[in-house]
């Protein structure tokens, strides 16, 4: 009787844990966001860049996916202008050049 209960408990645990597993790969690139036709930045299209090393190729890829007219990489001590531009994408990087945040402006 004990063996049957232990087998049943193991089966239930396996089913519960199987429900928690993911079927997709976490390294797959997300589908590109549809850029707006009016040139305004949609920052969510560049979320894929967070955690990656900043580069000119990454910047251009992010610019295209957000529909932005212009884009820039901002490091912690960079001097920047304060005007808001709805058509500009900002990729904020840390001291090591890793993108930590994306926003428009």
PDB file of N, CA and C in Angstrom:
ATOM      1  N   UNK A   1       0.831  -1.196   0.000  1.00  0.00           N
ATOM      2  CA  UNK A   1       0.000   0.000   0.000  1.00  0.00           C
ATOM      3  C   UNK A   1       0.870   1.253   0.000  1.00  0.00           C
ATOM      4  N   UNK A   2       1.934   1.225   0.837  1.00  0.00           N
ATOM      5  CA  UNK A   2       2.822   2.389   0.898  1.00  0.00           C
ATOM      6  C   UNK A   2       3.479   2.648  -0.453  1.00  0.00           C
ATOM      7  N   UNK A   3       3.884   1.573  -1.130  1.00  0.00           N
ATOM      8  CA  UNK A   3       4.542   1.707  -2.437  1.00  0.00           C
ATOM      9  C   UNK A   3       3.591   2.347  -3.452  1.00  0.00           C
ATOM     10  N   UNK A   4       2.335   1.990  -3.411  1.00  0.00           N
ATOM     11  CA  UNK A   4       1.347   2.541  -4.342  1.00  0.00           C
ATOM     12  C   UNK A   4       1.140   4.034  -4.071  1.00  0.00           C
ATOM     13  N   UNK A   5       1.064   4.424  -2.809  1.00  0.00           N
ATOM     14  CA  UNK A   5       0.902   5.841  -2.466  1.00  0.00           C
ATOM     15  C   UNK A   5       2.139   6.647  -2.873  1.00  0.00           C
ATOM     16  N   UNK A   6       3.313   6.085  -2.661  1.00  0.00           N
ATOM     17  CA  UNK A   6       4.550   6.778  -3.036  1.00  0.00           C
ATOM     18  C   UNK A   6       4.625   6.953  -4.547  1.00  0.00           C
ATOM     19  N   UNK A   7       4.230   5.927  -5.294  1.00  0.00           N
ATOM     20  CA  UNK A   7       4.218   6.023  -6.755  1.00  0.00           C
ATOM     21  C   UNK A   7       3.229   7.086  -7.220  1.00  0.00           C
ATOM     22  N   UNK A   8       2.053   7.103  -6.597  1.00  0.00           N
ATOM     23  CA  UNK A   8       1.042   8.089  -6.947  1.00  0.00           C
ATOM     24  C   UNK A   8       1.529   9.502  -6.638  1.00  0.00           C
ATOM     25  N   UNK A   9       2.158   9.689  -5.483  1.00  0.00           N
ATOM     26  CA  UNK A   9       2.689  11.007  -5.112  1.00  0.00           C
ATOM     27  C   UNK A   9       3.775  11.446  -6.084  1.00  0.00           C
ATOM     28  N   UNK A  10       4.641  10.522  -6.491  1.00  0.00           N
ATOM     29  CA  UNK A  10       5.687  10.850  -7.458  1.00  0.00           C
ATOM     30  C   UNK A  10       5.081  11.236  -8.801  1.00  0.00           C
ATOM     31  N   UNK A  11       4.039  10.549  -9.226  1.00  0.00           N
ATOM     32  CA  UNK A  11       3.358  10.855 -10.476  1.00  0.00           C
ATOM     33  C   UNK A  11       2.726  12.243 -10.425  1.00  0.00           C
ATOM     34  N   UNK A  12       2.054  12.557  -9.326  1.00  0.00           N
ATOM     35  CA  UNK A  12       1.434  13.877  -9.165  1.00  0.00           C
ATOM     36  C   UNK A  12       2.503  14.972  -9.182  1.00  0.00           C
ATOM     37  N   UNK A  13       3.609  14.759  -8.499  1.00  0.00           N
ATOM     38  CA  UNK A  13       4.697  15.747  -8.481  1.00  0.00           C
ATOM     39  C   UNK A  13       5.260  15.955  -9.877  1.00  0.00           C
ATOM     40  N   UNK A  14       5.418  14.887 -10.648  1.00  0.00           N
ATOM     41  CA  UNK A  14       5.942  14.995 -12.012  1.00  0.00           C
ATOM     42  C   UNK A  14       4.996  15.788 -12.901  1.00  0.00           C
ATOM     43  N   UNK A  15       3.699  15.554 -12.749  1.00  0.00           N
ATOM     44  CA  UNK A  15       2.707  16.284 -13.551  1.00  0.00           C
ATOM     45  C   UNK A  15       2.721  17.769 -13.194  1.00  0.00           C
ATOM     46  N   UNK A  16       2.793  18.079 -11.914  1.00  0.00           N
ATOM     47  CA  UNK A  16       2.817  19.477 -11.472  1.00  0.00           C
ATOM     48  C   UNK A  16       4.069  20.176 -11.985  1.00  0.00           C
ATOM     49  N   UNK A  17       5.205  19.534 -11.864  1.00  0.00           N
ATOM     50  CA  UNK A  17       6.457  20.142 -12.334  1.00  0.00           C
ATOM     51  C   UNK A  17       6.490  20.277 -13.849  1.00  0.00           C
ATOM     52  N   UNK A  18       5.891  19.356 -14.564  1.00  0.00           N
ATOM     53  CA  UNK A  18       5.841  19.449 -16.026  1.00  0.00           C
ATOM     54  C   UNK A  18       5.051  20.674 -16.458  1.00  0.00           C
ATOM     55  N   UNK A  19       4.052  21.033 -15.697  1.00  0.00           N
ATOM     56  CA  UNK A  19       3.263  22.219 -16.012  1.00  0.00           C
ATOM     57  C   UNK A  19       4.040  23.504 -15.830  1.00  0.00           C
ATOM     58  N   UNK A  20       5.103  23.470 -15.047  1.00  0.00           N
ATOM     59  CA  UNK A  20       5.917  24.653 -14.798  1.00  0.00           C
ATOM     60  C   UNK A  20       7.023  24.837 -15.820  1.00  0.00           C
ATOM     61  N   UNK A  21       7.272  23.823 -16.632  1.00  0.00           N
ATOM     62  CA  UNK A  21       8.368  23.935 -17.600  1.00  0.00           C
ATOM     63  C   UNK A  21       7.933  24.767 -18.788  1.00  0.00           C
ATOM     64  N   UNK A  22       8.922  25.376 -19.449  1.00  0.00           N
ATOM     65  CA  UNK A  22       8.623  26.186 -20.626  1.00  0.00           C
ATOM     66  C   UNK A  22       8.938  25.380 -21.867  1.00  0.00           C
ATOM     67  N   UNK A  23       8.210  25.661 -22.930  1.00  0.00           N
ATOM     68  CA  UNK A  23       8.433  24.950 -24.175  1.00  0.00           C
ATOM     69  C   UNK A  23       9.268  25.746 -25.148  1.00  0.00           C
ATOM     70  N   UNK A  24       9.372  27.062 -24.965  1.00  0.00           N
ATOM     71  CA  UNK A  24      10.130  27.897 -25.881  1.00  0.00           C
ATOM     72  C   UNK A  24      11.554  28.085 -25.419  1.00  0.00           C
ATOM     73  N   UNK A  25      12.391  28.494 -26.349  1.00  0.00           N
ATOM     74  CA  UNK A  25      13.791  28.764 -26.032  1.00  0.00           C
ATOM     75  C   UNK A  25      13.935  30.206 -25.587  1.00  0.00           C
ATOM     76  N   UNK A  26      14.657  30.432 -24.501  1.00  0.00           N
ATOM     77  CA  UNK A  26      14.814  31.799 -23.998  1.00  0.00           C
ATOM     78  C   UNK A  26      15.820  32.599 -24.807  1.00  0.00           C
ATOM     79  N   UNK A  27      16.567  31.934 -25.695  1.00  0.00           N
ATOM     80  CA  UNK A  27      17.558  32.647 -26.495  1.00  0.00           C
ATOM     81  C   UNK A  27      17.016  33.049 -27.856  1.00  0.00           C
ATOM     82  N   UNK A  28      15.792  32.682 -28.158  1.00  0.00           N
ATOM     83  CA  UNK A  28      15.219  33.030 -29.453  1.00  0.00           C
ATOM     84  C   UNK A  28      14.955  34.528 -29.536  1.00  0.00           C
ATOM     85  N   UNK A  29      15.197  35.085 -30.697  1.00  0.00           N
ATOM     86  CA  UNK A  29      14.938  36.506 -30.916  1.00  0.00           C
ATOM     87  C   UNK A  29      13.432  36.722 -31.006  1.00  0.00           C
ATOM     88  N   UNK A  30      12.923  37.767 -30.359  1.00  0.00           N
ATOM     89  CA  UNK A  30      11.490  38.050 -30.454  1.00  0.00           C
ATOM     90  C   UNK A  30      11.141  38.582 -31.841  1.00  0.00           C
ATOM     91  N   UNK A  31       9.885  38.449 -32.169  1.00  0.00           N
ATOM     92  CA  UNK A  31       9.425  39.006 -33.435  1.00  0.00           C
ATOM     93  C   UNK A  31       9.588  40.523 -33.404  1.00  0.00           C
ATOM     94  N   UNK A  32      10.051  41.117 -34.492  1.00  0.00           N
ATOM     95  CA  UNK A  32      10.220  42.567 -34.496  1.00  0.00           C
ATOM     96  C   UNK A  32       8.882  43.276 -34.366  1.00  0.00           C
ATOM     97  N   UNK A  33       8.887  44.369 -33.630  1.00  0.00           N
ATOM     98  CA  UNK A  33       7.686  45.176 -33.478  1.00  0.00           C
ATOM     99  C   UNK A  33       7.403  45.882 -34.797  1.00  0.00           C
ATOM    100  N   UNK A  34       6.145  46.128 -35.051  1.00  0.00           N
ATOM    101  CA  UNK A  34       5.780  46.844 -36.262  1.00  0.00           C
ATOM    102  C   UNK A  34       6.018  48.325 -36.020  1.00  0.00           C
ATOM    103  N   UNK A  35       6.954  48.930 -36.767  1.00  0.00           N
ATOM    104  CA  UNK A  35       7.241  50.345 -36.533  1.00  0.00           C
ATOM    105  C   UNK A  35       6.065  51.218 -36.945  1.00  0.00           C
ATOM    106  N   UNK A  36       5.947  52.341 -36.274  1.00  0.00           N
ATOM    107  CA  UNK A  36       4.874  53.277 -36.611  1.00  0.00           C
ATOM    108  C   UNK A  36       5.209  53.960 -37.923  1.00  0.00           C
ATOM    109  N   UNK A  37       4.194  54.353 -38.627  1.00  0.00           N
ATOM    110  CA  UNK A  37       4.397  54.991 -39.918  1.00  0.00           C
ATOM    111  C   UNK A  37       4.679  56.485 -39.798  1.00  0.00           C
ATOM    112  N   UNK A  38       4.470  57.050 -38.615  1.00  0.00           N
ATOM    113  CA  UNK A  38       4.663  58.487 -38.456  1.00  0.00           C
ATOM    114  C   UNK A  38       6.059  58.833 -37.915  1.00  0.00           C
ATOM    115  N   UNK A  39       6.936  57.862 -37.752  1.00  0.00           N
ATOM    116  CA  UNK A  39       8.298  58.130 -37.303  1.00  0.00           C
ATOM    117  C   UNK A  39       8.459  58.246 -35.804  1.00  0.00           C
ATOM    118  N   UNK A  40       7.393  58.058 -35.051  1.00  0.00           N
ATOM    119  CA  UNK A  40       7.493  58.126 -33.589  1.00  0.00           C
ATOM    120  C   UNK A  40       8.120  56.855 -33.045  1.00  0.00           C
ATOM    121  N   UNK A  41       8.854  57.022 -31.987  1.00  0.00           N
ATOM    122  CA  UNK A  41       9.554  55.916 -31.340  1.00  0.00           C
ATOM    123  C   UNK A  41       8.581  55.073 -30.515  1.00  0.00           C
ATOM    124  N   UNK A  42       8.706  53.765 -30.621  1.00  0.00           N
ATOM    125  CA  UNK A  42       7.959  52.826 -29.783  1.00  0.00           C
ATOM    126  C   UNK A  42       9.000  51.971 -29.064  1.00  0.00           C
ATOM    127  N   UNK A  43       9.383  52.392 -27.869  1.00  0.00           N
ATOM    128  CA  UNK A  43      10.507  51.797 -27.138  1.00  0.00           C
ATOM    129  C   UNK A  43      10.375  50.300 -26.926  1.00  0.00           C
ATOM    130  N   UNK A  44       9.176  49.780 -26.823  1.00  0.00           N
ATOM    131  CA  UNK A  44       9.015  48.347 -26.567  1.00  0.00           C
ATOM    132  C   UNK A  44       9.626  47.495 -27.676  1.00  0.00           C
ATOM    133  N   UNK A  45       9.767  48.041 -28.860  1.00  0.00           N
ATOM    134  CA  UNK A  45      10.384  47.311 -29.962  1.00  0.00           C
ATOM    135  C   UNK A  45      11.867  47.058 -29.750  1.00  0.00           C
ATOM    136  N   UNK A  46      12.487  47.785 -28.821  1.00  0.00           N
ATOM    137  CA  UNK A  46      13.925  47.634 -28.566  1.00  0.00           C
ATOM    138  C   UNK A  46      14.214  46.896 -27.269  1.00  0.00           C
ATOM    139  N   UNK A  47      13.210  46.318 -26.647  1.00  0.00           N
ATOM    140  CA  UNK A  47      13.427  45.593 -25.392  1.00  0.00           C
ATOM    141  C   UNK A  47      14.429  44.449 -25.548  1.00  0.00           C
ATOM    142  N   UNK A  48      14.538  43.907 -26.751  1.00  0.00           N
ATOM    143  CA  UNK A  48      15.473  42.813 -26.989  1.00  0.00           C
ATOM    144  C   UNK A  48      16.927  43.222 -26.737  1.00  0.00           C
ATOM    145  N   UNK A  49      17.228  44.523 -26.781  1.00  0.00           N
ATOM    146  CA  UNK A  49      18.604  45.013 -26.655  1.00  0.00           C
ATOM    147  C   UNK A  49      19.098  45.041 -25.212  1.00  0.00           C
ATOM    148  N   UNK A  50      18.200  45.030 -24.243  1.00  0.00           N
ATOM    149  CA  UNK A  50      18.601  45.094 -22.836  1.00  0.00           C
ATOM    150  C   UNK A  50      19.447  43.870 -22.495  1.00  0.00           C
ATOM    151  N   UNK A  51      20.621  44.133 -21.915  1.00  0.00           N
ATOM    152  CA  UNK A  51      21.540  43.058 -21.536  1.00  0.00           C
ATOM    153  C   UNK A  51      22.583  42.748 -22.587  1.00  0.00           C
ATOM    154  N   UNK A  52      22.465  43.354 -23.767  1.00  0.00           N
ATOM    155  CA  UNK A  52      23.444  43.114 -24.833  1.00  0.00           C
ATOM    156  C   UNK A  52      24.487  44.221 -24.859  1.00  0.00           C
ATOM    157  N   UNK A  53      25.628  43.919 -25.457  1.00  0.00           N
ATOM    158  CA  UNK A  53      26.711  44.883 -25.598  1.00  0.00           C
ATOM    159  C   UNK A  53      26.318  45.933 -26.646  1.00  0.00           C
ATOM    160  N   UNK A  54      26.507  47.197 -26.318  1.00  0.00           N
ATOM    161  CA  UNK A  54      26.170  48.282 -27.238  1.00  0.00           C
ATOM    162  C   UNK A  54      27.091  48.251 -28.452  1.00  0.00           C
ATOM    163  N   UNK A  55      26.509  48.443 -29.626  1.00  0.00           N
ATOM    164  CA  UNK A  55      27.274  48.502 -30.869  1.00  0.00           C
ATOM    165  C   UNK A  55      26.462  49.268 -31.898  1.00  0.00           C
ATOM    166  N   UNK A  56      27.116  49.665 -32.966  1.00  0.00           N
ATOM    167  CA  UNK A  56      26.431  50.392 -34.036  1.00  0.00           C
ATOM    168  C   UNK A  56      25.368  49.507 -34.687  1.00  0.00           C
ATOM    169  N   UNK A  57      25.674  48.224 -34.857  1.00  0.00           N
ATOM    170  CA  UNK A  57      24.703  47.303 -35.460  1.00  0.00           C
ATOM    171  C   UNK A  57      23.468  47.141 -34.581  1.00  0.00           C
ATOM    172  N   UNK A  58      23.681  46.992 -33.284  1.00  0.00           N
ATOM    173  CA  UNK A  58      22.567  46.858 -32.343  1.00  0.00           C
ATOM    174  C   UNK A  58      21.713  48.129 -32.347  1.00  0.00           C
ATOM    175  N   UNK A  59      22.355  49.274 -32.383  1.00  0.00           N
ATOM    176  CA  UNK A  59      21.644  50.553 -32.405  1.00  0.00           C
ATOM    177  C   UNK A  59      20.758  50.664 -33.640  1.00  0.00           C
ATOM    178  N   UNK A  60      21.296  50.308 -34.791  1.00  0.00           N
ATOM    179  CA  UNK A  60      20.524  50.398 -36.031  1.00  0.00           C
ATOM    180  C   UNK A  60      19.366  49.393 -36.043  1.00  0.00           C
ATOM    181  N   UNK A  61      19.629  48.204 -35.551  1.00  0.00           N
ATOM    182  CA  UNK A  61      18.577  47.189 -35.464  1.00  0.00           C
ATOM    183  C   UNK A  61      17.445  47.669 -34.546  1.00  0.00           C
ATOM    184  N   UNK A  62      17.803  48.233 -33.412  1.00  0.00           N
ATOM    185  CA  UNK A  62      16.805  48.740 -32.468  1.00  0.00           C
ATOM    186  C   UNK A  62      16.050  49.928 -33.070  1.00  0.00           C
ATOM    187  N   UNK A  63      16.754  50.801 -33.764  1.00  0.00           N
ATOM    188  CA  UNK A  63      16.108  51.963 -34.396  1.00  0.00           C
ATOM    189  C   UNK A  63      15.045  51.506 -35.389  1.00  0.00           C
ATOM    190  N   UNK A  64      15.376  50.536 -36.200  1.00  0.00           N
ATOM    191  CA  UNK A  64      14.419  50.038 -37.199  1.00  0.00           C
ATOM    192  C   UNK A  64      13.210  49.383 -36.541  1.00  0.00           C
ATOM    193  N   UNK A  65      13.444  48.602 -35.490  1.00  0.00           N
ATOM    194  CA  UNK A  65      12.337  47.895 -34.834  1.00  0.00           C
ATOM    195  C   UNK A  65      11.411  48.823 -34.072  1.00  0.00           C
ATOM    196  N   UNK A  66      11.899  49.998 -33.697  1.00  0.00           N
ATOM    197  CA  UNK A  66      11.045  50.936 -32.963  1.00  0.00           C
ATOM    198  C   UNK A  66      10.387  51.963 -33.869  1.00  0.00           C
ATOM    199  N   UNK A  67      10.798  52.030 -35.119  1.00  0.00           N
ATOM    200  CA  UNK A  67      10.234  53.011 -36.035  1.00  0.00           C
ATOM    201  C   UNK A  67      10.782  54.410 -35.834  1.00  0.00           C
ATOM    202  N   UNK A  68      11.865  54.553 -35.094  1.00  0.00           N
ATOM    203  CA  UNK A  68      12.454  55.856 -34.788  1.00  0.00           C
ATOM    204  C   UNK A  68      13.209  56.423 -35.990  1.00  0.00           C
ATOM    205  N   UNK A  69      13.241  57.729 -36.063  1.00  0.00           N
ATOM    206  CA  UNK A  69      14.021  58.397 -37.098  1.00  0.00           C
ATOM    207  C   UNK A  69      15.500  58.455 -36.713  1.00  0.00           C
ATOM    208  N   UNK A  70      15.776  58.656 -35.425  1.00  0.00           N
ATOM    209  CA  UNK A  70      17.149  58.735 -34.934  1.00  0.00           C
ATOM    210  C   UNK A  70      17.290  57.879 -33.685  1.00  0.00           C
ATOM    211  N   UNK A  71      18.533  57.542 -33.358  1.00  0.00           N
ATOM    212  CA  UNK A  71      18.792  56.742 -32.164  1.00  0.00           C
ATOM    213  C   UNK A  71      20.184  57.079 -31.652  1.00  0.00           C
ATOM    214  N   UNK A  72      20.382  56.865 -30.348  1.00  0.00           N
ATOM    215  CA  UNK A  72      21.685  57.130 -29.756  1.00  0.00           C
ATOM    216  C   UNK A  72      21.905  56.205 -28.570  1.00  0.00           C
ATOM    217  N   UNK A  73      23.191  55.970 -28.279  1.00  0.00           N
ATOM    218  CA  UNK A  73      23.580  55.201 -27.104  1.00  0.00           C
ATOM    219  C   UNK A  73      24.073  56.195 -26.062  1.00  0.00           C
ATOM    220  N   UNK A  74      23.530  56.114 -24.861  1.00  0.00           N
ATOM    221  CA  UNK A  74      23.903  57.034 -23.782  1.00  0.00           C
ATOM    222  C   UNK A  74      24.634  56.269 -22.687  1.00  0.00           C
ATOM    223  N   UNK A  75      25.840  56.722 -22.374  1.00  0.00           N
ATOM    224  CA  UNK A  75      26.620  56.133 -21.276  1.00  0.00           C
ATOM    225  C   UNK A  75      26.455  57.016 -20.044  1.00  0.00           C
ATOM    226  N   UNK A  76      26.812  56.525 -18.855  1.00  0.00           N
ATOM    227  CA  UNK A  76      26.524  57.240 -17.607  1.00  0.00           C
ATOM    228  C   UNK A  76      27.004  58.692 -17.547  1.00  0.00           C
ATOM    229  N   UNK A  77      28.153  59.008 -18.077  1.00  0.00           N
ATOM    230  CA  UNK A  77      28.660  60.380 -17.951  1.00  0.00           C
ATOM    231  C   UNK A  77      28.567  61.189 -19.245  1.00  0.00           C
ATOM    232  N   UNK A  78      27.774  60.728 -20.205  1.00  0.00           N
ATOM    233  CA  UNK A  78      27.598  61.464 -21.449  1.00  0.00           C
ATOM    234  C   UNK A  78      26.767  62.719 -21.207  1.00  0.00           C
ATOM    235  N   UNK A  79      27.157  63.772 -21.881  1.00  0.00           N
ATOM    236  CA  UNK A  79      26.361  65.005 -21.845  1.00  0.00           C
ATOM    237  C   UNK A  79      25.275  64.881 -22.905  1.00  0.00           C
ATOM    238  N   UNK A  80      24.038  65.187 -22.525  1.00  0.00           N
ATOM    239  CA  UNK A  80      22.919  65.059 -23.462  1.00  0.00           C
ATOM    240  C   UNK A  80      22.070  66.321 -23.431  1.00  0.00           C
ATOM    241  N   UNK A  81      21.371  66.542 -24.527  1.00  0.00           N
ATOM    242  CA  UNK A  81      20.423  67.650 -24.568  1.00  0.00           C
ATOM    243  C   UNK A  81      19.155  67.223 -23.846  1.00  0.00           C
ATOM    244  N   UNK A  82      18.399  68.176 -23.357  1.00  0.00           N
ATOM    245  CA  UNK A  82      17.238  67.871 -22.535  1.00  0.00           C
ATOM    246  C   UNK A  82      15.904  67.946 -23.273  1.00  0.00           C
ATOM    247  N   UNK A  83      15.916  68.295 -24.559  1.00  0.00           N
ATOM    248  CA  UNK A  83      14.636  68.374 -25.258  1.00  0.00           C
ATOM    249  C   UNK A  83      14.116  66.970 -25.542  1.00  0.00           C
ATOM    250  N   UNK A  84      12.807  66.848 -25.514  1.00  0.00           N
ATOM    251  CA  UNK A  84      12.175  65.566 -25.789  1.00  0.00           C
ATOM    252  C   UNK A  84      11.881  65.489 -27.278  1.00  0.00           C
ATOM    253  N   UNK A  85      12.292  64.386 -27.891  1.00  0.00           N
ATOM    254  CA  UNK A  85      11.989  64.157 -29.306  1.00  0.00           C
ATOM    255  C   UNK A  85      11.289  62.815 -29.427  1.00  0.00           C
ATOM    256  N   UNK A  86      10.066  62.831 -29.883  1.00  0.00           N
ATOM    257  CA  UNK A  86       9.279  61.600 -29.969  1.00  0.00           C
ATOM    258  C   UNK A  86       9.784  60.658 -31.058  1.00  0.00           C
ATOM    259  N   UNK A  87      10.681  61.134 -31.906  1.00  0.00           N
ATOM    260  CA  UNK A  87      11.204  60.299 -32.985  1.00  0.00           C
ATOM    261  C   UNK A  87      12.593  59.734 -32.686  1.00  0.00           C
ATOM    262  N   UNK A  88      13.072  59.882 -31.436  1.00  0.00           N
ATOM    263  CA  UNK A  88      14.432  59.449 -31.090  1.00  0.00           C
ATOM    264  C   UNK A  88      14.411  58.328 -30.060  1.00  0.00           C
ATOM    265  N   UNK A  89      15.215  57.304 -30.315  1.00  0.00           N
ATOM    266  CA  UNK A  89      15.377  56.181 -29.406  1.00  0.00           C
ATOM    267  C   UNK A  89      16.660  56.360 -28.615  1.00  0.00           C
ATOM    268  N   UNK A  90      16.600  56.121 -27.310  1.00  0.00           N
ATOM    269  CA  UNK A  90      17.779  56.155 -26.441  1.00  0.00           C
ATOM    270  C   UNK A  90      18.049  54.749 -25.916  1.00  0.00           C
ATOM    271  N   UNK A  91      19.266  54.273 -26.127  1.00  0.00           N
ATOM    272  CA  UNK A  91      19.714  53.028 -25.513  1.00  0.00           C
ATOM    273  C   UNK A  91      20.671  53.429 -24.407  1.00  0.00           C
ATOM    274  N   UNK A  92      20.287  53.224 -23.170  1.00  0.00           N
ATOM    275  CA  UNK A  92      21.098  53.597 -22.015  1.00  0.00           C
ATOM    276  C   UNK A  92      22.009  52.436 -21.647  1.00  0.00           C
ATOM    277  N   UNK A  93      23.318  52.713 -21.570  1.00  0.00           N
ATOM    278  CA  UNK A  93      24.307  51.675 -21.284  1.00  0.00           C
ATOM    279  C   UNK A  93      25.022  51.969 -19.972  1.00  0.00           C
ATOM    280  N   UNK A  94      25.571  50.918 -19.357  1.00  0.00           N
ATOM    281  CA  UNK A  94      26.361  51.100 -18.142  1.00  0.00           C
ATOM    282  C   UNK A  94      27.821  51.382 -18.517  1.00  0.00           C
ATOM    283  N   UNK A  95      28.701  51.461 -17.511  1.00  0.00           N
ATOM    284  CA  UNK A  95      30.109  51.749 -17.758  1.00  0.00           C
ATOM    285  C   UNK A  95      30.787  50.717 -18.649  1.00  0.00           C
ATOM    286  N   UNK A  96      30.273  49.506 -18.665  1.00  0.00           N
ATOM    287  CA  UNK A  96      30.871  48.437 -19.465  1.00  0.00           C
ATOM    288  C   UNK A  96      30.287  48.366 -20.874  1.00  0.00           C
ATOM    289  N   UNK A  97      29.339  49.244 -21.171  1.00  0.00           N
ATOM    290  CA  UNK A  97      28.737  49.267 -22.505  1.00  0.00           C
ATOM    291  C   UNK A  97      27.589  48.300 -22.700  1.00  0.00           C
ATOM    292  N   UNK A  98      27.020  47.803 -21.612  1.00  0.00           N
ATOM    293  CA  UNK A  98      25.888  46.888 -21.684  1.00  0.00           C
ATOM    294  C   UNK A  98      24.595  47.695 -21.572  1.00  0.00           C
ATOM    295  N   UNK A  99      23.652  47.464 -22.466  1.00  0.00           N
ATOM    296  CA  UNK A  99      22.392  48.198 -22.466  1.00  0.00           C
ATOM    297  C   UNK A  99      21.594  47.817 -21.225  1.00  0.00           C
ATOM    298  N   UNK A 100      21.180  48.845 -20.470  1.00  0.00           N
ATOM    299  CA  UNK A 100      20.422  48.610 -19.247  1.00  0.00           C
ATOM    300  C   UNK A 100      18.974  49.070 -19.342  1.00  0.00           C
ATOM    301  N   UNK A 101      18.687  49.964 -20.306  1.00  0.00           N
ATOM    302  CA  UNK A 101      17.335  50.523 -20.405  1.00  0.00           C
ATOM    303  C   UNK A 101      17.134  51.080 -21.795  1.00  0.00           C
ATOM    304  N   UNK A 102      15.918  51.051 -22.289  1.00  0.00           N
ATOM    305  CA  UNK A 102      15.573  51.696 -23.565  1.00  0.00           C
ATOM    306  C   UNK A 102      14.411  52.640 -23.314  1.00  0.00           C
ATOM    307  N   UNK A 103      14.462  53.781 -23.954  1.00  0.00           N
ATOM    308  CA  UNK A 103      13.355  54.735 -23.858  1.00  0.00           C
ATOM    309  C   UNK A 103      13.384  55.680 -25.051  1.00  0.00           C
ATOM    310  N   UNK A 104      12.317  56.395 -25.221  1.00  0.00           N
ATOM    311  CA  UNK A 104      12.226  57.361 -26.306  1.00  0.00           C
ATOM    312  C   UNK A 104      12.441  58.760 -25.736  1.00  0.00           C
ATOM    313  N   UNK A 105      12.877  59.655 -26.587  1.00  0.00           N
ATOM    314  CA  UNK A 105      13.023  61.027 -26.120  1.00  0.00           C
ATOM    315  C   UNK A 105      14.153  61.770 -26.602  1.00  0.00           C
TER     316      UNK A 105
END
